[in-house]
């Protein structure tokens, strides 16, 4: 698995790892049951601190996107089996709100925002 990290970005490295793994799962590049590198191996491959990878993996584990087994390793979870909870929907609304408000303040229309979302969703087909 090859991740592209931007060390000059304002986005923290752990978040970049997190986002790219989620994108890989969403686009089908990473499939349920697929093994991911260990924390130590990913840190070594990327040339970063293992605590950074550990933080990204723990977030993904808490979101039930990956499973971490001490002896078996790290695997992509089957996220399609779980229905969308009201809690997740509420979290989604709270995380999207600031983006919508900022886009509105910068002059973006609802149609423009919907177009962007549609473009992103079209990458998943």
Protein backbone atom coordinates (compact mmCIF):
# COMPACT_ATOMS: atom_id res chain seq x y z
CA UNK A 1 0.00 0.00 0.00
CA UNK A 2 1.51 3.28 -1.10
CA UNK A 3 0.47 6.45 0.67
CA UNK A 4 1.42 9.92 -0.49
CA UNK A 5 2.27 12.15 2.44
CA UNK A 6 2.72 15.87 2.15
CA UNK A 7 5.05 16.94 4.94
CA UNK A 8 4.45 20.62 4.06
CA UNK A 9 0.66 20.35 4.46
CA UNK A 10 -1.22 21.86 7.38
CA UNK A 11 -3.10 18.54 7.62
CA UNK A 12 -1.40 16.41 10.27
CA UNK A 13 0.38 13.28 9.01
CA UNK A 14 -1.89 10.95 11.02
CA UNK A 15 -4.93 12.59 9.40
CA UNK A 16 -3.40 12.19 5.92
CA UNK A 17 -2.89 8.48 6.61
CA UNK A 18 -6.41 8.20 7.97
CA UNK A 19 -7.96 9.98 4.97
CA UNK A 20 -6.03 7.96 2.40
CA UNK A 21 -6.94 4.63 3.98
CA UNK A 22 -10.61 5.65 4.12
CA UNK A 23 -10.42 6.72 0.46
CA UNK A 24 -8.81 3.38 -0.43
CA UNK A 25 -11.62 1.51 1.29
CA UNK A 26 -14.33 3.68 -0.29
CA UNK A 27 -12.89 3.28 -3.79
CA UNK A 28 -12.40 -0.48 -3.39
CA UNK A 29 -8.61 -0.37 -3.52
CA UNK A 30 -8.63 -1.81 0.00
CA UNK A 31 -11.15 -4.61 0.48
CA UNK A 32 -12.62 -6.25 3.58
CA UNK A 33 -10.19 -8.77 5.03
CA UNK A 34 -7.18 -7.22 3.30
CA UNK A 35 -4.16 -6.99 5.52
CA UNK A 36 -2.53 -3.62 6.11
CA UNK A 37 1.08 -3.10 7.19
CA UNK A 38 1.78 -3.24 10.90
CA UNK A 39 2.21 0.06 12.71
CA UNK A 40 5.96 -0.48 12.80
CA UNK A 41 6.18 -1.48 9.12
CA UNK A 42 4.07 1.46 7.91
CA UNK A 43 6.11 3.90 10.01
CA UNK A 44 9.32 2.47 8.58
CA UNK A 45 7.99 2.54 5.00
CA UNK A 46 6.88 6.16 5.34
CA UNK A 47 9.87 7.30 7.38
CA UNK A 48 7.73 8.62 10.23
CA UNK A 49 7.28 8.02 13.95
CA UNK A 50 5.33 4.85 14.77
CA UNK A 51 3.13 6.81 17.21
CA UNK A 52 1.81 8.79 14.23
CA UNK A 53 0.73 5.60 12.45
CA UNK A 54 -0.62 4.22 15.72
CA UNK A 55 -2.81 7.30 16.14
CA UNK A 56 -4.20 6.97 12.60
CA UNK A 57 -4.85 3.24 13.06
CA UNK A 58 -6.58 3.77 16.41
CA UNK A 59 -8.92 6.34 14.90
CA UNK A 60 -9.74 3.93 12.06
CA UNK A 61 -10.25 1.14 14.59
CA UNK A 62 -12.61 3.29 16.66
CA UNK A 63 -14.55 4.07 13.48
CA UNK A 64 -14.71 0.29 12.86
CA UNK A 65 -12.98 0.67 9.48
CA UNK A 66 -10.09 -1.59 10.44
CA UNK A 67 -9.53 -4.39 12.94
CA UNK A 68 -6.33 -4.71 14.90
CA UNK A 69 -5.39 -8.10 16.32
CA UNK A 70 -2.19 -8.40 18.33
CA UNK A 71 -1.16 -11.68 16.71
CA UNK A 72 -2.99 -11.57 13.37
CA UNK A 73 -2.23 -8.00 12.37
CA UNK A 74 -4.25 -5.14 10.90
CA UNK A 75 -7.14 -5.82 8.52
CA UNK A 76 -9.75 -3.82 6.64
CA UNK A 77 -13.18 -4.35 8.22
CA UNK A 78 -16.37 -5.08 6.33
CA UNK A 79 -18.08 -1.75 6.90
CA UNK A 80 -20.98 -2.46 4.54
CA UNK A 81 -22.53 -4.84 7.07
CA UNK A 82 -23.43 -2.13 9.52
CA UNK A 83 -26.43 0.17 9.08
CA UNK A 84 -25.87 3.90 9.40
CA UNK A 85 -26.58 4.87 13.00
CA UNK A 86 -28.26 8.07 14.08
CA UNK A 87 -25.11 8.82 16.07
CA UNK A 88 -22.97 8.62 12.91
CA UNK A 89 -25.43 10.76 10.99
CA UNK A 90 -25.29 13.38 13.77
CA UNK A 91 -21.46 13.30 13.72
CA UNK A 92 -21.51 13.72 9.96
CA UNK A 93 -23.79 16.74 10.16
CA UNK A 94 -21.57 18.33 12.81
CA UNK A 95 -18.41 17.79 10.76
CA UNK A 96 -19.95 19.02 7.49
CA UNK A 97 -21.63 22.12 8.94
CA UNK A 98 -18.43 24.18 9.28
CA UNK A 99 -17.47 23.36 5.67
CA UNK A 100 -20.91 24.42 4.40
CA UNK A 101 -20.85 27.62 6.46
CA UNK A 102 -17.34 28.50 5.28
CA UNK A 103 -18.25 27.79 1.64
CA UNK A 104 -21.33 30.00 2.00
CA UNK A 105 -19.27 32.82 3.53
CA UNK A 106 -16.89 32.60 0.57
CA UNK A 107 -19.79 32.95 -1.87
CA UNK A 108 -20.40 29.34 -2.86
CA UNK A 109 -23.95 28.46 -3.82
CA UNK A 110 -25.84 25.39 -2.70
CA UNK A 111 -25.74 24.14 -6.29
CA UNK A 112 -21.94 24.51 -6.41
CA UNK A 113 -21.59 22.62 -3.13
CA UNK A 114 -23.89 19.85 -4.36
CA UNK A 115 -21.89 19.63 -7.60
CA UNK A 116 -18.69 19.13 -5.61
CA UNK A 117 -20.32 16.42 -3.52
CA UNK A 118 -21.66 14.73 -6.64
CA UNK A 119 -18.20 14.85 -8.22
CA UNK A 120 -16.70 13.21 -5.15
CA UNK A 121 -19.39 10.51 -5.06
CA UNK A 122 -18.88 9.86 -8.78
CA UNK A 123 -15.28 8.83 -8.00
CA UNK A 124 -16.74 5.86 -6.10
CA UNK A 125 -18.59 4.33 -9.03
